Amino acid sequence: MNKKEMAKLYQKMSSKKISIMEAEEKIREFLETVKEGIALDGEVRFPKRGIFEILTRKPRTVSNPVTREQMTIYPKKIVRFRASKKWNA
């Protein structure tokens, strides 16, 4: 699902009549708020829904399939969403 499809779904689920542009803006604000929360605390929890958290991937060595040259992939931080076991989809 891309952002446009998510905006259409949000527009259908909204109790008020809003345009797709307003729905996209609200989604953008929500995502920015989640980003700021993750940057401050390292995780954002939604009760009975799940957790957005930061994970640090370890460095690893891989080989290029064409040249067989060994390369190092450096550690990096990623954001992961872990769904709650109590989530009723």
PDB file of N, CA and C in Angstrom:
ATOM      1  N   MET A   1       0.857  -1.169   0.000  1.00  0.00           N
ATOM      2  CA  MET A   1       0.000   0.000   0.000  1.00  0.00           C
ATOM      3  C   MET A   1       0.905   1.234   0.000  1.00  0.00           C
ATOM      4  N   ASN A   2       0.672   2.118  -0.937  1.00  0.00           N
ATOM      5  CA  ASN A   2       1.442   3.355  -0.966  1.00  0.00           C
ATOM      6  C   ASN A   2       0.669   4.462  -0.241  1.00  0.00           C
ATOM      7  N   LYS A   3       1.267   5.638  -0.188  1.00  0.00           N
ATOM      8  CA  LYS A   3       0.671   6.723   0.593  1.00  0.00           C
ATOM      9  C   LYS A   3      -0.662   7.195   0.008  1.00  0.00           C
ATOM     10  N   LYS A   4      -0.797   7.180  -1.306  1.00  0.00           N
ATOM     11  CA  LYS A   4      -2.049   7.608  -1.953  1.00  0.00           C
ATOM     12  C   LYS A   4      -3.182   6.638  -1.606  1.00  0.00           C
ATOM     13  N   GLU A   5      -2.900   5.351  -1.658  1.00  0.00           N
ATOM     14  CA  GLU A   5      -3.919   4.357  -1.300  1.00  0.00           C
ATOM     15  C   GLU A   5      -4.287   4.468   0.174  1.00  0.00           C
ATOM     16  N   MET A   6      -3.289   4.725   1.025  1.00  0.00           N
ATOM     17  CA  MET A   6      -3.548   4.892   2.450  1.00  0.00           C
ATOM     18  C   MET A   6      -4.416   6.125   2.690  1.00  0.00           C
ATOM     19  N   ALA A   7      -4.176   7.189   1.928  1.00  0.00           N
ATOM     20  CA  ALA A   7      -4.980   8.409   2.061  1.00  0.00           C
ATOM     21  C   ALA A   7      -6.431   8.150   1.652  1.00  0.00           C
ATOM     22  N   LYS A   8      -6.635   7.364   0.605  1.00  0.00           N
ATOM     23  CA  LYS A   8      -7.996   7.027   0.179  1.00  0.00           C
ATOM     24  C   LYS A   8      -8.713   6.208   1.249  1.00  0.00           C
ATOM     25  N   LEU A   9      -8.015   5.262   1.842  1.00  0.00           N
ATOM     26  CA  LEU A   9      -8.594   4.459   2.915  1.00  0.00           C
ATOM     27  C   LEU A   9      -8.926   5.325   4.131  1.00  0.00           C
ATOM     28  N   TYR A  10      -8.007   6.235   4.469  1.00  0.00           N
ATOM     29  CA  TYR A  10      -8.247   7.148   5.597  1.00  0.00           C
ATOM     30  C   TYR A  10      -9.454   8.041   5.317  1.00  0.00           C
ATOM     31  N   GLN A  11      -9.581   8.476   4.081  1.00  0.00           N
ATOM     32  CA  GLN A  11     -10.709   9.323   3.691  1.00  0.00           C
ATOM     33  C   GLN A  11     -12.031   8.571   3.855  1.00  0.00           C
ATOM     34  N   LYS A  12     -12.064   7.290   3.480  1.00  0.00           N
ATOM     35  CA  LYS A  12     -13.277   6.487   3.627  1.00  0.00           C
ATOM     36  C   LYS A  12     -13.617   6.249   5.097  1.00  0.00           C
ATOM     37  N   MET A  13     -12.591   6.043   5.933  1.00  0.00           N
ATOM     38  CA  MET A  13     -12.809   5.719   7.338  1.00  0.00           C
ATOM     39  C   MET A  13     -13.082   6.949   8.198  1.00  0.00           C
ATOM     40  N   SER A  14     -12.774   8.120   7.677  1.00  0.00           N
ATOM     41  CA  SER A  14     -12.939   9.355   8.446  1.00  0.00           C
ATOM     42  C   SER A  14     -14.416   9.660   8.683  1.00  0.00           C
ATOM     43  N   SER A  15     -14.707  10.196   9.855  1.00  0.00           N
ATOM     44  CA  SER A  15     -16.097  10.542  10.173  1.00  0.00           C
ATOM     45  C   SER A  15     -16.529  11.822   9.453  1.00  0.00           C
ATOM     46  N   LYS A  16     -15.572  12.700   9.141  1.00  0.00           N
ATOM     47  CA  LYS A  16     -15.873  13.926   8.404  1.00  0.00           C
ATOM     48  C   LYS A  16     -15.538  13.740   6.932  1.00  0.00           C
ATOM     49  N   LYS A  17     -16.089  14.627   6.117  1.00  0.00           N
ATOM     50  CA  LYS A  17     -15.725  14.649   4.701  1.00  0.00           C
ATOM     51  C   LYS A  17     -14.410  15.414   4.565  1.00  0.00           C
ATOM     52  N   ILE A  18     -13.359  14.732   4.140  1.00  0.00           N
ATOM     53  CA  ILE A  18     -12.079  15.390   3.914  1.00  0.00           C
ATOM     54  C   ILE A  18     -11.585  15.029   2.519  1.00  0.00           C
ATOM     55  N   SER A  19     -10.722  15.875   1.985  1.00  0.00           N
ATOM     56  CA  SER A  19     -10.166  15.609   0.666  1.00  0.00           C
ATOM     57  C   SER A  19      -8.966  14.676   0.803  1.00  0.00           C
ATOM     58  N   ILE A  20      -8.531  14.159  -0.311  1.00  0.00           N
ATOM     59  CA  ILE A  20      -7.370  13.271  -0.307  1.00  0.00           C
ATOM     60  C   ILE A  20      -6.124  14.042   0.106  1.00  0.00           C
ATOM     61  N   MET A  21      -6.033  15.307  -0.290  1.00  0.00           N
ATOM     62  CA  MET A  21      -4.881  16.136   0.096  1.00  0.00           C
ATOM     63  C   MET A  21      -4.828  16.311   1.616  1.00  0.00           C
ATOM     64  N   GLU A  22      -5.980  16.538   2.250  1.00  0.00           N
ATOM     65  CA  GLU A  22      -6.022  16.670   3.712  1.00  0.00           C
ATOM     66  C   GLU A  22      -5.653  15.345   4.377  1.00  0.00           C
ATOM     67  N   ALA A  23      -6.125  14.246   3.806  1.00  0.00           N
ATOM     68  CA  ALA A  23      -5.790  12.928   4.352  1.00  0.00           C
ATOM     69  C   ALA A  23      -4.293  12.669   4.255  1.00  0.00           C
ATOM     70  N   GLU A  24      -3.686  13.017   3.117  1.00  0.00           N
ATOM     71  CA  GLU A  24      -2.245  12.851   2.953  1.00  0.00           C
ATOM     72  C   GLU A  24      -1.481  13.705   3.952  1.00  0.00           C
ATOM     73  N   GLU A  25      -1.949  14.922   4.188  1.00  0.00           N
ATOM     74  CA  GLU A  25      -1.289  15.814   5.146  1.00  0.00           C
ATOM     75  C   GLU A  25      -1.356  15.240   6.562  1.00  0.00           C
ATOM     76  N   LYS A  26      -2.501  14.691   6.937  1.00  0.00           N
ATOM     77  CA  LYS A  26      -2.637  14.085   8.271  1.00  0.00           C
ATOM     78  C   LYS A  26      -1.736  12.868   8.415  1.00  0.00           C
ATOM     79  N   ILE A  27      -1.631  12.065   7.370  1.00  0.00           N
ATOM     80  CA  ILE A  27      -0.747  10.904   7.393  1.00  0.00           C
ATOM     81  C   ILE A  27       0.701  11.353   7.500  1.00  0.00           C
ATOM     82  N   ARG A  28       1.071  12.401   6.758  1.00  0.00           N
ATOM     83  CA  ARG A  28       2.429  12.942   6.807  1.00  0.00           C
ATOM     84  C   ARG A  28       2.763  13.444   8.214  1.00  0.00           C
ATOM     85  N   GLU A  29       1.805  14.148   8.853  1.00  0.00           N
ATOM     86  CA  GLU A  29       2.006  14.639  10.219  1.00  0.00           C
ATOM     87  C   GLU A  29       2.188  13.483  11.188  1.00  0.00           C
ATOM     88  N   PHE A  30       1.380  12.433  11.035  1.00  0.00           N
ATOM     89  CA  PHE A  30       1.497  11.269  11.899  1.00  0.00           C
ATOM     90  C   PHE A  30       2.873  10.621  11.763  1.00  0.00           C
ATOM     91  N   LEU A  31       3.327  10.426  10.533  1.00  0.00           N
ATOM     92  CA  LEU A  31       4.628   9.798  10.313  1.00  0.00           C
ATOM     93  C   LEU A  31       5.765  10.644  10.867  1.00  0.00           C
ATOM     94  N   GLU A  32       5.675  11.971  10.722  1.00  0.00           N
ATOM     95  CA  GLU A  32       6.695  12.853  11.287  1.00  0.00           C
ATOM     96  C   GLU A  32       6.712  12.759  12.808  1.00  0.00           C
ATOM     97  N   THR A  33       5.527  12.671  13.429  1.00  0.00           N
ATOM     98  CA  THR A  33       5.439  12.539  14.878  1.00  0.00           C
ATOM     99  C   THR A  33       6.070  11.231  15.334  1.00  0.00           C
ATOM    100  N   VAL A  34       5.821  10.143  14.602  1.00  0.00           N
ATOM    101  CA  VAL A  34       6.431   8.862  14.940  1.00  0.00           C
ATOM    102  C   VAL A  34       7.946   8.941  14.801  1.00  0.00           C
ATOM    103  N   LYS A  35       8.444   9.581  13.741  1.00  0.00           N
ATOM    104  CA  LYS A  35       9.889   9.739  13.549  1.00  0.00           C
ATOM    105  C   LYS A  35      10.522  10.496  14.715  1.00  0.00           C
ATOM    106  N   GLU A  36       9.881  11.597  15.129  1.00  0.00           N
ATOM    107  CA  GLU A  36      10.414  12.380  16.238  1.00  0.00           C
ATOM    108  C   GLU A  36      10.401  11.574  17.531  1.00  0.00           C
ATOM    109  N   GLY A  37       9.336  10.807  17.760  1.00  0.00           N
ATOM    110  CA  GLY A  37       9.256   9.979  18.958  1.00  0.00           C
ATOM    111  C   GLY A  37      10.331   8.909  18.990  1.00  0.00           C
ATOM    112  N   ILE A  38      10.597   8.298  17.857  1.00  0.00           N
ATOM    113  CA  ILE A  38      11.647   7.276  17.780  1.00  0.00           C
ATOM    114  C   ILE A  38      13.009   7.913  18.014  1.00  0.00           C
ATOM    115  N   ALA A  39      13.231   9.098  17.461  1.00  0.00           N
ATOM    116  CA  ALA A  39      14.509   9.778  17.640  1.00  0.00           C
ATOM    117  C   ALA A  39      14.739  10.140  19.111  1.00  0.00           C
ATOM    118  N   LEU A  40      13.690  10.523  19.827  1.00  0.00           N
ATOM    119  CA  LEU A  40      13.828  10.909  21.230  1.00  0.00           C
ATOM    120  C   LEU A  40      13.979   9.716  22.167  1.00  0.00           C
ATOM    121  N   ASP A  41      13.105   8.723  22.040  1.00  0.00           N
ATOM    122  CA  ASP A  41      13.049   7.630  23.011  1.00  0.00           C
ATOM    123  C   ASP A  41      13.589   6.304  22.491  1.00  0.00           C
ATOM    124  N   GLY A  42      13.805   6.165  21.207  1.00  0.00           N
ATOM    125  CA  GLY A  42      14.267   4.903  20.663  1.00  0.00           C
ATOM    126  C   GLY A  42      13.150   3.945  20.308  1.00  0.00           C
ATOM    127  N   GLU A  43      11.925   4.232  20.759  1.00  0.00           N
ATOM    128  CA  GLU A  43      10.777   3.415  20.388  1.00  0.00           C
ATOM    129  C   GLU A  43       9.492   4.189  20.603  1.00  0.00           C
ATOM    130  N   VAL A  44       8.460   3.776  19.881  1.00  0.00           N
ATOM    131  CA  VAL A  44       7.122   4.346  20.031  1.00  0.00           C
ATOM    132  C   VAL A  44       6.173   3.171  20.197  1.00  0.00           C
ATOM    133  N   ARG A  45       5.415   3.178  21.305  1.00  0.00           N
ATOM    134  CA  ARG A  45       4.494   2.077  21.595  1.00  0.00           C
ATOM    135  C   ARG A  45       3.055   2.504  21.353  1.00  0.00           C
ATOM    136  N   PHE A  46       2.307   1.618  20.708  1.00  0.00           N
ATOM    137  CA  PHE A  46       0.878   1.786  20.534  1.00  0.00           C
ATOM    138  C   PHE A  46       0.221   0.617  21.259  1.00  0.00           C
ATOM    139  N   PRO A  47      -0.450   0.880  22.382  1.00  0.00           N
ATOM    140  CA  PRO A  47      -1.056  -0.219  23.148  1.00  0.00           C
ATOM    141  C   PRO A  47      -2.005  -1.057  22.287  1.00  0.00           C
ATOM    142  N   LYS A  48      -1.875  -2.355  22.413  1.00  0.00           N
ATOM    143  CA  LYS A  48      -2.670  -3.357  21.693  1.00  0.00           C
ATOM    144  C   LYS A  48      -2.479  -3.316  20.184  1.00  0.00           C
ATOM    145  N   ARG A  49      -1.507  -2.583  19.696  1.00  0.00           N
ATOM    146  CA  ARG A  49      -1.225  -2.509  18.256  1.00  0.00           C
ATOM    147  C   ARG A  49       0.189  -2.965  17.933  1.00  0.00           C
ATOM    148  N   GLY A  50       1.206  -2.368  18.591  1.00  0.00           N
ATOM    149  CA  GLY A  50       2.582  -2.751  18.311  1.00  0.00           C
ATOM    150  C   GLY A  50       3.570  -1.686  18.715  1.00  0.00           C
ATOM    151  N   ILE A  51       4.828  -1.918  18.333  1.00  0.00           N
ATOM    152  CA  ILE A  51       5.936  -1.043  18.718  1.00  0.00           C
ATOM    153  C   ILE A  51       6.785  -0.740  17.490  1.00  0.00           C
ATOM    154  N   PHE A  52       7.097   0.543  17.288  1.00  0.00           N
ATOM    155  CA  PHE A  52       8.125   0.950  16.343  1.00  0.00           C
ATOM    156  C   PHE A  52       9.405   1.086  17.161  1.00  0.00           C
ATOM    157  N   GLU A  53      10.482   0.409  16.742  1.00  0.00           N
ATOM    158  CA  GLU A  53      11.719   0.475  17.502  1.00  0.00           C
ATOM    159  C   GLU A  53      12.919   0.542  16.570  1.00  0.00           C
ATOM    160  N   ILE A  54      14.055   0.997  17.116  1.00  0.00           N
ATOM    161  CA  ILE A  54      15.290   1.103  16.352  1.00  0.00           C
ATOM    162  C   ILE A  54      16.131  -0.138  16.641  1.00  0.00           C
ATOM    163  N   LEU A  55      16.610  -0.779  15.596  1.00  0.00           N
ATOM    164  CA  LEU A  55      17.521  -1.902  15.722  1.00  0.00           C
ATOM    165  C   LEU A  55      18.837  -1.542  15.059  1.00  0.00           C
ATOM    166  N   THR A  56      19.928  -2.040  15.597  1.00  0.00           N
ATOM    167  CA  THR A  56      21.243  -1.829  14.994  1.00  0.00           C
ATOM    168  C   THR A  56      21.691  -3.137  14.365  1.00  0.00           C
ATOM    169  N   ARG A  57      21.881  -3.113  13.079  1.00  0.00           N
ATOM    170  CA  ARG A  57      22.359  -4.306  12.380  1.00  0.00           C
ATOM    171  C   ARG A  57      23.867  -4.421  12.549  1.00  0.00           C
ATOM    172  N   LYS A  58      24.334  -5.638  12.727  1.00  0.00           N
ATOM    173  CA  LYS A  58      25.761  -5.885  12.928  1.00  0.00           C
ATOM    174  C   LYS A  58      26.504  -5.792  11.599  1.00  0.00           C
ATOM    175  N   PRO A  59      27.797  -5.446  11.645  1.00  0.00           N
ATOM    176  CA  PRO A  59      28.573  -5.458  10.396  1.00  0.00           C
ATOM    177  C   PRO A  59      28.765  -6.896   9.934  1.00  0.00           C
ATOM    178  N   ARG A  60      28.867  -7.084   8.620  1.00  0.00           N
ATOM    179  CA  ARG A  60      29.058  -8.427   8.085  1.00  0.00           C
ATOM    180  C   ARG A  60      29.878  -8.373   6.812  1.00  0.00           C
ATOM    181  N   THR A  61      30.451  -9.493   6.468  1.00  0.00           N
ATOM    182  CA  THR A  61      31.265  -9.603   5.266  1.00  0.00           C
ATOM    183  C   THR A  61      30.510 -10.441   4.247  1.00  0.00           C
ATOM    184  N   VAL A  62      30.424  -9.930   3.023  1.00  0.00           N
ATOM    185  CA  VAL A  62      29.752 -10.628   1.934  1.00  0.00           C
ATOM    186  C   VAL A  62      30.672 -10.644   0.720  1.00  0.00           C
ATOM    187  N   SER A  63      30.355 -11.481  -0.251  1.00  0.00           N
ATOM    188  CA  SER A  63      31.163 -11.494  -1.468  1.00  0.00           C
ATOM    189  C   SER A  63      30.313 -11.058  -2.649  1.00  0.00           C
ATOM    190  N   ASN A  64      30.936 -10.324  -3.546  1.00  0.00           N
ATOM    191  CA  ASN A  64      30.288  -9.895  -4.774  1.00  0.00           C
ATOM    192  C   ASN A  64      30.081 -11.137  -5.646  1.00  0.00           C
ATOM    193  N   PRO A  65      28.848 -11.411  -6.097  1.00  0.00           N
ATOM    194  CA  PRO A  65      28.614 -12.643  -6.862  1.00  0.00           C
ATOM    195  C   PRO A  65      29.347 -12.696  -8.210  1.00  0.00           C
ATOM    196  N   VAL A  66      29.672 -11.549  -8.780  1.00  0.00           N
ATOM    197  CA  VAL A  66      30.328 -11.538 -10.091  1.00  0.00           C
ATOM    198  C   VAL A  66      31.837 -11.672  -9.944  1.00  0.00           C
ATOM    199  N   THR A  67      32.439 -10.827  -9.088  1.00  0.00           N
ATOM    200  CA  THR A  67      33.899 -10.794  -8.976  1.00  0.00           C
ATOM    201  C   THR A  67      34.434 -11.618  -7.814  1.00  0.00           C
ATOM    202  N   ARG A  68      33.572 -12.100  -6.937  1.00  0.00           N
ATOM    203  CA  ARG A  68      33.937 -12.843  -5.726  1.00  0.00           C
ATOM    204  C   ARG A  68      34.802 -12.028  -4.768  1.00  0.00           C
ATOM    205  N   GLU A  69      34.776 -10.718  -4.928  1.00  0.00           N
ATOM    206  CA  GLU A  69      35.523  -9.823  -4.040  1.00  0.00           C
ATOM    207  C   GLU A  69      34.796  -9.726  -2.694  1.00  0.00           C
ATOM    208  N   GLN A  70      35.554  -9.799  -1.610  1.00  0.00           N
ATOM    209  CA  GLN A  70      34.989  -9.688  -0.269  1.00  0.00           C
ATOM    210  C   GLN A  70      34.730  -8.218   0.053  1.00  0.00           C
ATOM    211  N   MET A  71      33.521  -7.931   0.560  1.00  0.00           N
ATOM    212  CA  MET A  71      33.158  -6.568   0.918  1.00  0.00           C
ATOM    213  C   MET A  71      32.598  -6.576   2.333  1.00  0.00           C
ATOM    214  N   THR A  72      32.750  -5.448   3.018  1.00  0.00           N
ATOM    215  CA  THR A  72      32.199  -5.312   4.355  1.00  0.00           C
ATOM    216  C   THR A  72      30.979  -4.415   4.295  1.00  0.00           C
ATOM    217  N   ILE A  73      29.881  -4.899   4.873  1.00  0.00           N
ATOM    218  CA  ILE A  73      28.681  -4.080   5.010  1.00  0.00           C
ATOM    219  C   ILE A  73      28.728  -3.526   6.427  1.00  0.00           C
ATOM    220  N   TYR A  74      28.751  -2.226   6.533  1.00  0.00           N
ATOM    221  CA  TYR A  74      28.918  -1.565   7.817  1.00  0.00           C
ATOM    222  C   TYR A  74      27.626  -1.613   8.635  1.00  0.00           C
ATOM    223  N   PRO A  75      27.744  -1.474   9.951  1.00  0.00           N
ATOM    224  CA  PRO A  75      26.530  -1.492  10.785  1.00  0.00           C
ATOM    225  C   PRO A  75      25.633  -0.308  10.464  1.00  0.00           C
ATOM    226  N   LYS A  76      24.331  -0.526  10.596  1.00  0.00           N
ATOM    227  CA  LYS A  76      23.399   0.562  10.353  1.00  0.00           C
ATOM    228  C   LYS A  76      22.182   0.394  11.249  1.00  0.00           C
ATOM    229  N   LYS A  77      21.470   1.478  11.432  1.00  0.00           N
ATOM    230  CA  LYS A  77      20.268   1.459  12.251  1.00  0.00           C
ATOM    231  C   LYS A  77      19.055   1.402  11.338  1.00  0.00           C
ATOM    232  N   ILE A  78      18.074   0.577  11.726  1.00  0.00           N
ATOM    233  CA  ILE A  78      16.836   0.451  10.966  1.00  0.00           C
ATOM    234  C   ILE A  78      15.663   0.587  11.921  1.00  0.00           C
ATOM    235  N   VAL A  79      14.513   0.929  11.381  1.00  0.00           N
ATOM    236  CA  VAL A  79      13.294   1.010  12.176  1.00  0.00           C
ATOM    237  C   VAL A  79      12.464  -0.230  11.872  1.00  0.00           C
ATOM    238  N   ARG A  80      11.989  -0.875  12.934  1.00  0.00           N
ATOM    239  CA  ARG A  80      11.194  -2.086  12.780  1.00  0.00           C
ATOM    240  C   ARG A  80       9.879  -1.923  13.518  1.00  0.00           C
ATOM    241  N   PHE A  81       8.810  -2.441  12.929  1.00  0.00           N
ATOM    242  CA  PHE A  81       7.514  -2.474  13.602  1.00  0.00           C
ATOM    243  C   PHE A  81       7.255  -3.900  14.035  1.00  0.00           C
ATOM    244  N   ARG A  82       6.967  -4.061  15.311  1.00  0.00           N
ATOM    245  CA  ARG A  82       6.627  -5.363  15.868  1.00  0.00           C
ATOM    246  C   ARG A  82       5.166  -5.326  16.277  1.00  0.00           C
ATOM    247  N   ALA A  83       4.342  -6.147  15.639  1.00  0.00           N
ATOM    248  CA  ALA A  83       2.904  -6.159  15.928  1.00  0.00           C
ATOM    249  C   ALA A  83       2.654  -6.835  17.268  1.00  0.00           C
ATOM    250  N   SER A  84       1.663  -6.350  17.986  1.00  0.00           N
ATOM    251  CA  SER A  84       1.278  -6.903  19.269  1.00  0.00           C
ATOM    252  C   SER A  84       0.575  -8.242  19.073  1.00  0.00           C
ATOM    253  N   LYS A  85       0.713  -9.136  20.047  1.00  0.00           N
ATOM    254  CA  LYS A  85       0.010 -10.421  19.987  1.00  0.00           C
ATOM    255  C   LYS A  85      -1.484 -10.235  20.191  1.00  0.00           C
ATOM    256  N   LYS A  86      -1.870  -9.108  20.790  1.00  0.00           N
ATOM    257  CA  LYS A  86      -3.286  -8.845  21.072  1.00  0.00           C
ATOM    258  C   LYS A  86      -3.996  -8.108  19.937  1.00  0.00           C
ATOM    259  N   TRP A  87      -3.298  -7.846  18.851  1.00  0.00           N
ATOM    260  CA  TRP A  87      -3.871  -7.087  17.744  1.00  0.00           C
ATOM    261  C   TRP A  87      -4.923  -7.914  17.035  1.00  0.00           C
ATOM    262  N   ASN A  88      -6.137  -7.374  16.974  1.00  0.00           N
ATOM    263  CA  ASN A  88      -7.230  -8.029  16.253  1.00  0.00           C
ATOM    264  C   ASN A  88      -7.340  -7.401  14.877  1.00  0.00           C
ATOM    265  N   ALA A  89      -6.828  -8.072  13.895  1.00  0.00           N
ATOM    266  CA  ALA A  89      -6.809  -7.533  12.538  1.00  0.00           C
ATOM    267  C   ALA A  89      -8.128  -7.555  11.938  1.00  0.00           C
TER     268      ALA A  89
END
